[in-house]
């Protein structure tokens, strides 16, 4: 593995990237505002697990396909963007429905949806794959005892965990905000619509962003 100095630089750089407000944090906050704390936590877990798809792809060298085949990158990016927009419209459309005892079964179903949707959103985000491909090699030592692919797995797992800690912090903040609105049905509808609007905005940003 790289030297201690390089690993410390790796952890510090990763933390800076992780805690800069970004799409994943906004997405986790949107799910929390729209569906509640439990759903937000499950969304963060879904993003985390989806991230391992990109870690494995980077370790196997598959992420380079996005550079080698630009149409593939564009297709995955557009698919992810459309999915985010669809999720956003779904949340807005359902915002006016009564939240019949957001307890037990209803909450569990909502959290399950958030979990599965979040895995899909993360897997369909080619920018995550490109980030791993560009970032991790800077801290990989070809002469180390561990093979390069093992170093990719270890460093990628660390990156994923640190980014997830930022997502969790965002979920807890959004949940605190939502709890203050819980007494007002009108405010709850606004929170759901806000969450949906954020997802639509993220989808549009992903679709229109270059590279």
N, C-alpha and C. Protein backbone atom coordinates (compact mmCIF):
# COMPACT_ATOMS: atom_id res chain seq x y z
N UNK A 1 0.85 -1.21 0.00
CA UNK A 1 0.00 0.00 0.00
C UNK A 1 0.88 1.25 0.00
N UNK A 2 0.33 2.42 -0.38
CA UNK A 2 1.10 3.66 -0.37
C UNK A 2 1.60 3.99 1.04
N UNK A 3 2.53 4.94 1.10
CA UNK A 3 3.09 5.35 2.39
C UNK A 3 2.03 6.02 3.25
N UNK A 4 2.38 6.17 4.54
CA UNK A 4 1.45 6.81 5.48
C UNK A 4 1.11 8.23 5.05
N UNK A 5 2.12 8.96 4.56
CA UNK A 5 1.89 10.35 4.13
C UNK A 5 0.88 10.41 2.99
N UNK A 6 1.04 9.49 2.04
CA UNK A 6 0.13 9.46 0.89
C UNK A 6 -1.29 9.08 1.34
N UNK A 7 -1.38 8.13 2.26
CA UNK A 7 -2.70 7.71 2.75
C UNK A 7 -3.40 8.84 3.49
N UNK A 8 -2.63 9.60 4.27
CA UNK A 8 -3.22 10.73 4.99
C UNK A 8 -3.72 11.78 4.00
N UNK A 9 -2.92 12.01 2.95
CA UNK A 9 -3.33 12.96 1.92
C UNK A 9 -4.59 12.45 1.21
N UNK A 10 -4.64 11.14 0.99
CA UNK A 10 -5.81 10.51 0.36
C UNK A 10 -7.06 10.73 1.21
N UNK A 11 -6.95 10.47 2.52
CA UNK A 11 -8.11 10.61 3.41
C UNK A 11 -8.56 12.07 3.50
N UNK A 12 -7.59 12.98 3.58
CA UNK A 12 -7.94 14.40 3.68
C UNK A 12 -8.61 14.89 2.40
N UNK A 13 -8.06 14.51 1.26
CA UNK A 13 -8.63 14.93 -0.02
C UNK A 13 -10.02 14.35 -0.22
N UNK A 14 -10.18 13.08 0.16
CA UNK A 14 -11.49 12.42 0.03
C UNK A 14 -12.53 13.12 0.89
N UNK A 15 -12.14 13.46 2.13
CA UNK A 15 -13.07 14.13 3.04
C UNK A 15 -13.51 15.49 2.48
N UNK A 16 -12.56 16.21 1.87
CA UNK A 16 -12.90 17.52 1.29
C UNK A 16 -13.92 17.34 0.16
N UNK A 17 -13.66 16.37 -0.72
CA UNK A 17 -14.60 16.11 -1.81
C UNK A 17 -15.96 15.66 -1.26
N UNK A 18 -15.93 14.80 -0.24
CA UNK A 18 -17.16 14.21 0.29
C UNK A 18 -18.07 15.26 0.92
N UNK A 19 -17.48 16.21 1.64
CA UNK A 19 -18.29 17.17 2.39
C UNK A 19 -18.55 18.47 1.63
N UNK A 20 -18.11 18.53 0.38
CA UNK A 20 -18.53 19.64 -0.48
C UNK A 20 -19.94 19.32 -0.96
N UNK A 21 -20.88 20.25 -0.81
CA UNK A 21 -22.26 19.96 -1.25
C UNK A 21 -22.28 19.48 -2.70
N UNK A 22 -22.92 18.35 -2.90
CA UNK A 22 -22.96 17.76 -4.24
C UNK A 22 -24.27 17.04 -4.50
N UNK A 23 -24.40 16.44 -5.67
CA UNK A 23 -25.65 15.77 -6.05
C UNK A 23 -26.11 14.67 -5.09
N UNK A 24 -25.17 13.85 -4.61
CA UNK A 24 -25.57 12.76 -3.71
C UNK A 24 -26.17 13.29 -2.42
N UNK A 25 -25.56 14.34 -1.87
CA UNK A 25 -26.09 14.93 -0.64
C UNK A 25 -27.47 15.53 -0.87
N UNK A 26 -27.62 16.24 -1.99
CA UNK A 26 -28.92 16.82 -2.31
C UNK A 26 -29.97 15.74 -2.53
N UNK A 27 -29.55 14.65 -3.18
CA UNK A 27 -30.48 13.55 -3.43
C UNK A 27 -30.95 12.94 -2.11
N UNK A 28 -30.00 12.67 -1.19
CA UNK A 28 -30.36 12.09 0.11
C UNK A 28 -31.28 13.02 0.89
N UNK A 29 -31.00 14.33 0.81
CA UNK A 29 -31.84 15.31 1.50
C UNK A 29 -33.23 15.34 0.89
N UNK A 30 -33.30 15.25 -0.44
CA UNK A 30 -34.60 15.27 -1.12
C UNK A 30 -35.45 14.08 -0.72
N UNK A 31 -34.85 12.90 -0.67
CA UNK A 31 -35.59 11.70 -0.26
C UNK A 31 -36.07 11.83 1.19
N UNK A 32 -35.25 12.43 2.04
CA UNK A 32 -35.62 12.61 3.44
C UNK A 32 -36.77 13.59 3.58
N UNK A 33 -36.69 14.72 2.89
CA UNK A 33 -37.75 15.72 2.95
C UNK A 33 -39.07 15.15 2.43
N UNK A 34 -38.98 14.35 1.39
CA UNK A 34 -40.20 13.83 0.77
C UNK A 34 -40.79 12.64 1.52
N UNK A 35 -39.94 11.81 2.12
CA UNK A 35 -40.43 10.55 2.66
C UNK A 35 -40.10 10.30 4.13
N UNK A 36 -39.29 11.13 4.73
CA UNK A 36 -39.01 10.95 6.15
C UNK A 36 -37.61 10.41 6.42
N UNK A 37 -37.26 10.41 7.70
CA UNK A 37 -35.91 10.05 8.13
C UNK A 37 -35.53 8.62 7.76
N UNK A 38 -36.41 7.67 8.02
CA UNK A 38 -36.10 6.27 7.74
C UNK A 38 -35.83 6.06 6.25
N UNK A 39 -36.67 6.67 5.42
CA UNK A 39 -36.48 6.57 3.97
C UNK A 39 -35.18 7.23 3.56
N UNK A 40 -34.85 8.35 4.21
CA UNK A 40 -33.59 9.03 3.91
C UNK A 40 -32.38 8.16 4.24
N UNK A 41 -32.45 7.48 5.39
CA UNK A 41 -31.36 6.59 5.77
C UNK A 41 -31.23 5.42 4.79
N UNK A 42 -32.37 4.90 4.36
CA UNK A 42 -32.34 3.80 3.38
C UNK A 42 -31.84 4.30 2.03
N UNK A 43 -32.14 5.55 1.69
CA UNK A 43 -31.63 6.13 0.45
C UNK A 43 -30.10 6.24 0.51
N UNK A 44 -29.59 6.69 1.67
CA UNK A 44 -28.14 6.79 1.84
C UNK A 44 -27.49 5.40 1.74
N UNK A 45 -28.16 4.40 2.30
CA UNK A 45 -27.64 3.03 2.20
C UNK A 45 -27.64 2.56 0.74
N UNK A 46 -28.71 2.89 0.02
CA UNK A 46 -28.79 2.51 -1.39
C UNK A 46 -27.68 3.15 -2.21
N UNK A 47 -27.42 4.44 -1.95
CA UNK A 47 -26.33 5.13 -2.65
C UNK A 47 -25.00 4.45 -2.33
N UNK A 48 -24.82 4.10 -1.06
CA UNK A 48 -23.58 3.45 -0.62
C UNK A 48 -23.37 2.11 -1.34
N UNK A 49 -24.41 1.28 -1.37
CA UNK A 49 -24.28 -0.02 -2.02
C UNK A 49 -24.09 0.13 -3.52
N UNK A 50 -24.81 1.09 -4.12
CA UNK A 50 -24.64 1.35 -5.54
C UNK A 50 -23.22 1.80 -5.87
N UNK A 51 -22.60 2.50 -4.93
CA UNK A 51 -21.23 2.95 -5.13
C UNK A 51 -20.25 1.81 -5.31
N UNK A 52 -20.54 0.66 -4.70
CA UNK A 52 -19.62 -0.48 -4.81
C UNK A 52 -19.61 -1.05 -6.23
N UNK A 53 -20.68 -0.82 -6.98
CA UNK A 53 -20.67 -1.23 -8.39
C UNK A 53 -19.56 -0.49 -9.13
N UNK A 54 -19.40 0.80 -8.83
CA UNK A 54 -18.37 1.60 -9.47
C UNK A 54 -16.99 1.26 -8.93
N UNK A 55 -16.91 0.92 -7.65
CA UNK A 55 -15.62 0.50 -7.08
C UNK A 55 -15.14 -0.77 -7.77
N UNK A 56 -16.04 -1.74 -7.91
CA UNK A 56 -15.68 -3.00 -8.57
C UNK A 56 -15.34 -2.76 -10.04
N UNK A 57 -16.09 -1.87 -10.69
CA UNK A 57 -15.82 -1.58 -12.10
C UNK A 57 -14.43 -0.94 -12.26
N UNK A 58 -14.08 -0.05 -11.34
CA UNK A 58 -12.76 0.59 -11.40
C UNK A 58 -11.66 -0.43 -11.16
N UNK A 59 -11.87 -1.32 -10.18
CA UNK A 59 -10.87 -2.34 -9.88
C UNK A 59 -10.68 -3.29 -11.06
N UNK A 60 -11.76 -3.56 -11.79
CA UNK A 60 -11.70 -4.48 -12.92
C UNK A 60 -11.30 -3.77 -14.22
N UNK A 61 -11.17 -2.44 -14.15
CA UNK A 61 -10.78 -1.69 -15.35
C UNK A 61 -11.93 -1.41 -16.28
N UNK A 62 -13.17 -1.67 -15.84
CA UNK A 62 -14.32 -1.48 -16.72
C UNK A 62 -14.70 -0.02 -16.89
N UNK A 63 -14.36 0.80 -15.88
CA UNK A 63 -14.75 2.21 -15.94
C UNK A 63 -14.13 2.93 -17.14
N UNK A 64 -12.99 2.40 -17.61
CA UNK A 64 -12.31 3.03 -18.74
C UNK A 64 -13.18 3.00 -20.00
N UNK A 65 -14.19 2.11 -20.01
CA UNK A 65 -15.09 2.05 -21.16
C UNK A 65 -15.81 3.37 -21.40
N UNK A 66 -16.08 4.09 -20.33
CA UNK A 66 -16.77 5.38 -20.48
C UNK A 66 -15.91 6.39 -21.25
N UNK A 67 -14.58 6.25 -21.09
CA UNK A 67 -13.68 7.12 -21.85
C UNK A 67 -13.51 6.60 -23.27
N UNK A 68 -13.45 5.28 -23.40
CA UNK A 68 -13.19 4.67 -24.71
C UNK A 68 -14.42 4.72 -25.62
N UNK A 69 -15.62 4.68 -25.01
CA UNK A 69 -16.86 4.66 -25.80
C UNK A 69 -17.77 5.80 -25.32
N UNK A 70 -17.54 7.03 -25.80
CA UNK A 70 -18.36 8.17 -25.37
C UNK A 70 -19.86 7.97 -25.50
N UNK A 71 -20.36 7.32 -26.56
CA UNK A 71 -21.82 7.11 -26.64
C UNK A 71 -22.37 6.30 -25.47
N UNK A 72 -21.56 5.37 -24.95
CA UNK A 72 -21.99 4.58 -23.79
C UNK A 72 -22.14 5.48 -22.57
N UNK A 73 -21.16 6.35 -22.38
CA UNK A 73 -21.21 7.30 -21.27
C UNK A 73 -22.46 8.18 -21.38
N UNK A 74 -22.71 8.70 -22.59
CA UNK A 74 -23.87 9.56 -22.81
C UNK A 74 -25.18 8.83 -22.57
N UNK A 75 -25.25 7.58 -23.02
CA UNK A 75 -26.49 6.80 -22.86
C UNK A 75 -26.79 6.55 -21.39
N UNK A 76 -25.77 6.18 -20.62
CA UNK A 76 -25.97 5.91 -19.18
C UNK A 76 -26.32 7.21 -18.46
N UNK A 77 -25.67 8.29 -18.84
CA UNK A 77 -25.94 9.59 -18.21
C UNK A 77 -27.38 10.04 -18.45
N UNK A 78 -27.85 9.91 -19.70
CA UNK A 78 -29.21 10.32 -20.02
C UNK A 78 -30.23 9.41 -19.31
N UNK A 79 -29.93 8.11 -19.25
CA UNK A 79 -30.83 7.18 -18.55
C UNK A 79 -30.95 7.57 -17.08
N UNK A 80 -29.83 7.88 -16.46
CA UNK A 80 -29.84 8.29 -15.05
C UNK A 80 -30.59 9.59 -14.84
N UNK A 81 -30.40 10.54 -15.77
CA UNK A 81 -31.07 11.84 -15.67
C UNK A 81 -32.59 11.68 -15.79
N UNK A 82 -33.02 10.89 -16.77
CA UNK A 82 -34.46 10.67 -16.96
C UNK A 82 -35.08 9.98 -15.75
N UNK A 83 -34.33 9.06 -15.17
CA UNK A 83 -34.83 8.34 -13.99
C UNK A 83 -35.02 9.31 -12.82
N UNK A 84 -34.06 10.21 -12.63
CA UNK A 84 -34.18 11.20 -11.55
C UNK A 84 -35.38 12.11 -11.77
N UNK A 85 -35.57 12.56 -13.01
CA UNK A 85 -36.70 13.43 -13.32
C UNK A 85 -38.02 12.69 -13.07
N UNK A 86 -38.07 11.44 -13.48
CA UNK A 86 -39.29 10.64 -13.26
C UNK A 86 -39.58 10.49 -11.77
N UNK A 87 -38.53 10.22 -10.97
CA UNK A 87 -38.71 10.10 -9.52
C UNK A 87 -39.23 11.41 -8.94
N UNK A 88 -38.67 12.52 -9.41
CA UNK A 88 -39.10 13.82 -8.91
C UNK A 88 -40.56 14.10 -9.20
N UNK A 89 -40.98 13.83 -10.43
CA UNK A 89 -42.39 14.04 -10.79
C UNK A 89 -43.31 13.12 -9.98
N UNK A 90 -42.84 11.90 -9.72
CA UNK A 90 -43.64 10.95 -8.92
C UNK A 90 -43.86 11.49 -7.51
N UNK A 91 -42.79 12.02 -6.91
CA UNK A 91 -42.92 12.57 -5.56
C UNK A 91 -43.86 13.77 -5.54
N UNK A 92 -43.76 14.62 -6.55
CA UNK A 92 -44.64 15.81 -6.60
C UNK A 92 -46.08 15.38 -6.81
N UNK A 93 -46.29 14.41 -7.69
CA UNK A 93 -47.66 13.94 -7.98
C UNK A 93 -48.31 13.34 -6.74
N UNK A 94 -47.52 12.67 -5.92
CA UNK A 94 -48.07 12.01 -4.73
C UNK A 94 -48.05 12.90 -3.50
N UNK A 95 -47.56 14.14 -3.66
CA UNK A 95 -47.43 15.02 -2.49
C UNK A 95 -48.76 15.32 -1.82
N UNK A 96 -49.82 15.39 -2.62
CA UNK A 96 -51.12 15.75 -2.07
C UNK A 96 -51.87 14.60 -1.44
N UNK A 97 -51.35 13.39 -1.58
CA UNK A 97 -52.06 12.24 -1.02
C UNK A 97 -51.93 12.23 0.49
N UNK A 98 -52.98 11.89 1.19
CA UNK A 98 -52.91 11.87 2.66
C UNK A 98 -51.90 10.84 3.14
N UNK A 99 -51.09 11.24 4.12
CA UNK A 99 -50.07 10.34 4.65
C UNK A 99 -50.66 9.51 5.76
N UNK A 100 -51.55 8.59 5.40
CA UNK A 100 -52.23 7.75 6.37
C UNK A 100 -51.25 7.15 7.32
N UNK A 101 -51.30 7.58 8.53
CA UNK A 101 -50.40 7.08 9.54
C UNK A 101 -49.09 6.64 8.97
N UNK A 102 -48.20 7.59 8.74
CA UNK A 102 -46.91 7.28 8.14
C UNK A 102 -46.16 6.36 9.07
N UNK A 103 -46.76 5.37 9.56
CA UNK A 103 -46.14 4.45 10.49
C UNK A 103 -45.86 3.15 9.77
N UNK A 104 -45.33 2.26 10.47
CA UNK A 104 -45.14 0.87 10.09
C UNK A 104 -45.13 0.55 8.61
N UNK A 105 -46.24 -0.06 8.10
CA UNK A 105 -46.25 -0.57 6.72
C UNK A 105 -45.98 0.53 5.71
N UNK A 106 -46.64 1.69 5.88
CA UNK A 106 -46.47 2.78 4.92
C UNK A 106 -45.03 3.27 4.91
N UNK A 107 -44.48 3.45 6.11
CA UNK A 107 -43.10 3.92 6.20
C UNK A 107 -42.13 2.91 5.64
N UNK A 108 -42.37 1.64 5.93
CA UNK A 108 -41.48 0.57 5.44
C UNK A 108 -41.51 0.50 3.93
N UNK A 109 -42.70 0.61 3.35
CA UNK A 109 -42.84 0.57 1.89
C UNK A 109 -42.12 1.76 1.26
N UNK A 110 -42.29 2.95 1.84
CA UNK A 110 -41.65 4.14 1.32
C UNK A 110 -40.14 4.02 1.41
N UNK A 111 -39.63 3.49 2.52
CA UNK A 111 -38.19 3.33 2.70
C UNK A 111 -37.64 2.30 1.72
N UNK A 112 -38.41 1.24 1.48
CA UNK A 112 -37.95 0.21 0.52
C UNK A 112 -37.82 0.81 -0.87
N UNK A 113 -38.81 1.65 -1.24
CA UNK A 113 -38.74 2.31 -2.55
C UNK A 113 -37.52 3.21 -2.63
N UNK A 114 -37.29 3.98 -1.57
CA UNK A 114 -36.14 4.90 -1.55
C UNK A 114 -34.83 4.12 -1.69
N UNK A 115 -34.76 2.97 -1.03
CA UNK A 115 -33.55 2.14 -1.07
C UNK A 115 -33.28 1.64 -2.48
N UNK A 116 -34.30 1.04 -3.11
CA UNK A 116 -34.14 0.48 -4.45
C UNK A 116 -33.90 1.57 -5.49
N UNK A 117 -34.62 2.68 -5.36
CA UNK A 117 -34.42 3.79 -6.30
C UNK A 117 -33.00 4.34 -6.20
N UNK A 118 -32.48 4.40 -4.98
CA UNK A 118 -31.17 4.99 -4.76
C UNK A 118 -30.05 4.12 -5.33
N UNK A 119 -30.21 2.82 -5.22
CA UNK A 119 -29.23 1.93 -5.85
C UNK A 119 -29.21 2.18 -7.36
N UNK A 120 -30.40 2.25 -7.95
CA UNK A 120 -30.51 2.47 -9.40
C UNK A 120 -29.91 3.80 -9.80
N UNK A 121 -30.22 4.86 -9.05
CA UNK A 121 -29.70 6.19 -9.35
C UNK A 121 -28.17 6.20 -9.33
N UNK A 122 -27.60 5.56 -8.32
CA UNK A 122 -26.14 5.56 -8.20
C UNK A 122 -25.48 4.74 -9.30
N UNK A 123 -26.05 3.59 -9.59
CA UNK A 123 -25.48 2.74 -10.65
C UNK A 123 -25.55 3.45 -12.00
N UNK A 124 -26.61 4.23 -12.23
CA UNK A 124 -26.79 4.93 -13.50
C UNK A 124 -26.09 6.30 -13.53
N UNK A 125 -25.19 6.53 -12.58
CA UNK A 125 -24.47 7.80 -12.56
C UNK A 125 -23.03 7.57 -13.05
N UNK A 126 -22.76 7.78 -14.34
CA UNK A 126 -21.42 7.51 -14.87
C UNK A 126 -20.36 8.43 -14.29
N UNK A 127 -20.78 9.58 -13.74
CA UNK A 127 -19.79 10.50 -13.18
C UNK A 127 -19.11 9.90 -11.96
N UNK A 128 -19.80 9.03 -11.26
CA UNK A 128 -19.17 8.34 -10.13
C UNK A 128 -18.07 7.42 -10.63
N UNK A 129 -18.35 6.69 -11.71
CA UNK A 129 -17.35 5.80 -12.29
C UNK A 129 -16.13 6.58 -12.76
N UNK A 130 -16.36 7.71 -13.43
CA UNK A 130 -15.26 8.53 -13.93
C UNK A 130 -14.46 9.12 -12.77
N UNK A 131 -15.15 9.50 -11.69
CA UNK A 131 -14.45 10.04 -10.52
C UNK A 131 -13.49 8.99 -9.95
N UNK A 132 -13.97 7.78 -9.77
CA UNK A 132 -13.11 6.72 -9.24
C UNK A 132 -11.92 6.48 -10.17
N UNK A 133 -12.19 6.49 -11.46
CA UNK A 133 -11.14 6.23 -12.45
C UNK A 133 -10.08 7.33 -12.44
N UNK A 134 -10.49 8.57 -12.21
CA UNK A 134 -9.55 9.68 -12.22
C UNK A 134 -8.85 9.87 -10.86
N UNK A 135 -9.57 9.58 -9.78
CA UNK A 135 -9.07 9.89 -8.43
C UNK A 135 -8.19 8.78 -7.84
N UNK A 136 -8.64 7.55 -7.89
CA UNK A 136 -7.94 6.47 -7.21
C UNK A 136 -6.52 6.20 -7.71
N UNK A 137 -6.27 6.23 -9.03
CA UNK A 137 -4.91 5.91 -9.50
C UNK A 137 -3.82 6.80 -8.92
N UNK A 138 -4.19 8.00 -8.47
CA UNK A 138 -3.20 8.91 -7.90
C UNK A 138 -2.62 8.38 -6.59
N UNK A 139 -3.32 7.44 -5.97
CA UNK A 139 -2.89 6.93 -4.66
C UNK A 139 -2.55 5.43 -4.72
N UNK A 140 -2.52 4.88 -5.90
CA UNK A 140 -2.17 3.47 -6.08
C UNK A 140 -0.68 3.34 -6.32
N UNK A 141 -0.05 2.37 -5.65
CA UNK A 141 1.39 2.13 -5.80
C UNK A 141 1.61 0.79 -6.51
N UNK A 142 1.99 0.83 -7.80
CA UNK A 142 2.20 -0.42 -8.55
C UNK A 142 3.25 -1.34 -7.94
N UNK A 143 4.16 -0.76 -7.14
CA UNK A 143 5.22 -1.56 -6.55
C UNK A 143 4.89 -2.09 -5.17
N UNK A 144 3.68 -1.86 -4.71
CA UNK A 144 3.29 -2.30 -3.37
C UNK A 144 3.06 -3.80 -3.32
N UNK A 145 2.98 -4.32 -2.09
CA UNK A 145 2.78 -5.77 -1.91
C UNK A 145 1.42 -6.21 -2.45
N UNK A 146 0.42 -5.37 -2.29
CA UNK A 146 -0.92 -5.71 -2.78
C UNK A 146 -1.02 -5.44 -4.27
N UNK A 147 -1.70 -6.31 -5.02
CA UNK A 147 -1.93 -6.03 -6.44
C UNK A 147 -2.70 -4.73 -6.61
N UNK A 148 -2.58 -4.13 -7.79
CA UNK A 148 -3.25 -2.86 -8.07
C UNK A 148 -4.75 -2.97 -7.87
N UNK A 149 -5.36 -4.07 -8.31
CA UNK A 149 -6.82 -4.18 -8.22
C UNK A 149 -7.28 -4.25 -6.77
N UNK A 150 -6.44 -4.86 -5.89
CA UNK A 150 -6.78 -4.91 -4.47
C UNK A 150 -6.70 -3.51 -3.86
N UNK A 151 -5.68 -2.76 -4.28
CA UNK A 151 -5.57 -1.38 -3.79
C UNK A 151 -6.77 -0.54 -4.23
N UNK A 152 -7.22 -0.77 -5.47
CA UNK A 152 -8.42 -0.07 -5.96
C UNK A 152 -9.62 -0.39 -5.06
N UNK A 153 -9.77 -1.67 -4.71
CA UNK A 153 -10.90 -2.07 -3.86
C UNK A 153 -10.83 -1.42 -2.48
N UNK A 154 -9.63 -1.43 -1.89
CA UNK A 154 -9.47 -0.88 -0.54
C UNK A 154 -9.70 0.63 -0.54
N UNK A 155 -9.04 1.32 -1.46
CA UNK A 155 -9.19 2.77 -1.52
C UNK A 155 -10.61 3.16 -1.93
N UNK A 156 -11.19 2.41 -2.87
CA UNK A 156 -12.55 2.70 -3.30
C UNK A 156 -13.56 2.52 -2.19
N UNK A 157 -13.36 1.49 -1.39
CA UNK A 157 -14.25 1.25 -0.25
C UNK A 157 -14.15 2.39 0.76
N UNK A 158 -12.91 2.87 0.99
CA UNK A 158 -12.72 3.99 1.92
C UNK A 158 -13.41 5.25 1.39
N UNK A 159 -13.27 5.52 0.10
CA UNK A 159 -13.93 6.68 -0.51
C UNK A 159 -15.44 6.57 -0.36
N UNK A 160 -15.97 5.41 -0.65
CA UNK A 160 -17.41 5.19 -0.57
C UNK A 160 -17.92 5.42 0.86
N UNK A 161 -17.17 4.93 1.84
CA UNK A 161 -17.58 5.07 3.24
C UNK A 161 -17.56 6.54 3.67
N UNK A 162 -16.53 7.27 3.26
CA UNK A 162 -16.42 8.68 3.66
C UNK A 162 -17.52 9.51 3.00
N UNK A 163 -17.79 9.23 1.73
CA UNK A 163 -18.87 9.95 1.05
C UNK A 163 -20.22 9.63 1.70
N UNK A 164 -20.40 8.39 2.12
CA UNK A 164 -21.66 8.00 2.77
C UNK A 164 -21.84 8.70 4.11
N UNK A 165 -20.73 8.95 4.81
CA UNK A 165 -20.84 9.66 6.09
C UNK A 165 -21.39 11.08 5.86
N UNK A 166 -20.99 11.69 4.74
CA UNK A 166 -21.51 13.01 4.40
C UNK A 166 -23.00 12.93 4.05
N UNK A 167 -23.38 11.88 3.32
CA UNK A 167 -24.79 11.70 2.98
C UNK A 167 -25.63 11.53 4.24
N UNK A 168 -25.11 10.76 5.20
CA UNK A 168 -25.84 10.54 6.46
C UNK A 168 -26.01 11.85 7.23
N UNK A 169 -24.97 12.67 7.25
CA UNK A 169 -25.07 13.96 7.93
C UNK A 169 -26.16 14.81 7.28
N UNK A 170 -26.24 14.75 5.95
CA UNK A 170 -27.26 15.51 5.22
C UNK A 170 -28.66 14.99 5.52
N UNK A 171 -28.79 13.66 5.62
CA UNK A 171 -30.08 13.04 5.95
C UNK A 171 -30.55 13.50 7.33
N UNK A 172 -29.65 13.49 8.30
CA UNK A 172 -30.02 13.87 9.67
C UNK A 172 -30.43 15.34 9.73
N UNK A 173 -29.73 16.18 8.97
CA UNK A 173 -30.10 17.61 8.94
C UNK A 173 -31.47 17.79 8.31
N UNK A 174 -31.70 17.12 7.19
CA UNK A 174 -32.99 17.23 6.51
C UNK A 174 -34.12 16.66 7.37
N UNK A 175 -33.83 15.57 8.10
CA UNK A 175 -34.83 14.96 8.97
C UNK A 175 -35.21 15.90 10.10
N UNK A 176 -34.22 16.62 10.63
CA UNK A 176 -34.48 17.59 11.69
C UNK A 176 -35.39 18.70 11.17
N UNK A 177 -35.11 19.16 9.95
CA UNK A 177 -35.94 20.20 9.34
C UNK A 177 -37.36 19.69 9.10
N UNK A 178 -37.45 18.45 8.61
CA UNK A 178 -38.77 17.88 8.31
C UNK A 178 -39.60 17.69 9.58
N UNK A 179 -38.94 17.31 10.68
CA UNK A 179 -39.68 17.08 11.92
C UNK A 179 -40.34 18.37 12.43
N UNK A 180 -39.74 19.50 12.11
CA UNK A 180 -40.32 20.78 12.52
C UNK A 180 -41.56 21.12 11.69
N UNK A 181 -41.64 20.49 10.52
CA UNK A 181 -42.79 20.74 9.65
C UNK A 181 -43.88 19.70 9.82
N UNK A 182 -43.60 18.68 10.64
CA UNK A 182 -44.48 17.52 10.71
C UNK A 182 -45.89 17.85 11.21
N UNK A 183 -46.03 18.89 11.99
CA UNK A 183 -47.34 19.20 12.56
C UNK A 183 -48.28 19.84 11.54
N UNK A 184 -47.74 20.30 10.47
CA UNK A 184 -48.55 20.97 9.46
C UNK A 184 -48.65 20.13 8.19
N UNK A 185 -49.89 19.75 7.84
CA UNK A 185 -50.08 18.97 6.63
C UNK A 185 -49.64 19.74 5.40
N UNK A 186 -49.87 21.05 5.43
CA UNK A 186 -49.46 21.88 4.31
C UNK A 186 -47.95 21.88 4.15
N UNK A 187 -47.26 21.98 5.29
CA UNK A 187 -45.80 22.01 5.26
C UNK A 187 -45.25 20.67 4.78
N UNK A 188 -45.91 19.57 5.14
CA UNK A 188 -45.48 18.26 4.69
C UNK A 188 -45.60 18.14 3.17
N UNK A 189 -46.71 18.66 2.63
CA UNK A 189 -46.88 18.64 1.17
C UNK A 189 -45.77 19.46 0.50
N UNK A 190 -45.46 20.60 1.11
CA UNK A 190 -44.41 21.47 0.56
C UNK A 190 -43.06 20.74 0.60
N UNK A 191 -42.81 20.00 1.71
CA UNK A 191 -41.55 19.26 1.82
C UNK A 191 -41.44 18.20 0.74
N UNK A 192 -42.56 17.49 0.48
CA UNK A 192 -42.53 16.45 -0.57
C UNK A 192 -42.30 17.08 -1.94
N UNK A 193 -42.99 18.19 -2.18
CA UNK A 193 -42.83 18.85 -3.47
C UNK A 193 -41.42 19.41 -3.64
N UNK A 194 -40.86 19.91 -2.54
CA UNK A 194 -39.49 20.41 -2.59
C UNK A 194 -38.51 19.28 -2.90
N UNK A 195 -38.74 18.13 -2.24
CA UNK A 195 -37.89 16.97 -2.51
C UNK A 195 -37.98 16.55 -3.97
N UNK A 196 -39.20 16.54 -4.50
CA UNK A 196 -39.40 16.18 -5.90
C UNK A 196 -38.73 17.17 -6.83
N UNK A 197 -38.84 18.45 -6.51
CA UNK A 197 -38.22 19.49 -7.35
C UNK A 197 -36.70 19.36 -7.36
N UNK A 198 -36.14 19.01 -6.21
CA UNK A 198 -34.68 18.82 -6.14
C UNK A 198 -34.25 17.68 -7.05
N UNK A 199 -35.01 16.59 -7.04
CA UNK A 199 -34.67 15.44 -7.90
C UNK A 199 -34.76 15.82 -9.38
N UNK A 200 -35.80 16.57 -9.74
CA UNK A 200 -35.94 17.01 -11.13
C UNK A 200 -34.75 17.91 -11.50
N UNK A 201 -34.37 18.80 -10.60
CA UNK A 201 -33.23 19.68 -10.85
C UNK A 201 -31.94 18.90 -11.01
N UNK A 202 -31.76 17.87 -10.18
CA UNK A 202 -30.56 17.03 -10.30
C UNK A 202 -30.53 16.30 -11.63
N UNK A 203 -31.71 15.81 -12.06
CA UNK A 203 -31.79 15.12 -13.34
C UNK A 203 -31.44 16.05 -14.49
N UNK A 204 -31.99 17.26 -14.45
CA UNK A 204 -31.70 18.23 -15.51
C UNK A 204 -30.23 18.61 -15.52
N UNK A 205 -29.66 18.77 -14.33
CA UNK A 205 -28.24 19.12 -14.22
C UNK A 205 -27.36 18.01 -14.80
N UNK A 206 -27.70 16.77 -14.47
CA UNK A 206 -26.93 15.64 -14.98
C UNK A 206 -27.02 15.56 -16.50
N UNK A 207 -28.21 15.77 -17.06
CA UNK A 207 -28.41 15.67 -18.50
C UNK A 207 -27.69 16.77 -19.25
N UNK A 208 -27.68 17.98 -18.69
CA UNK A 208 -27.14 19.13 -19.42
C UNK A 208 -25.66 19.36 -19.16
N UNK A 209 -25.14 18.75 -18.10
CA UNK A 209 -23.72 18.95 -17.76
C UNK A 209 -22.83 18.31 -18.80
N UNK A 210 -21.81 19.02 -19.18
CA UNK A 210 -20.88 18.48 -20.18
C UNK A 210 -19.85 17.59 -19.52
N UNK A 211 -19.42 16.57 -20.26
CA UNK A 211 -18.36 15.70 -19.78
C UNK A 211 -18.79 14.74 -18.71
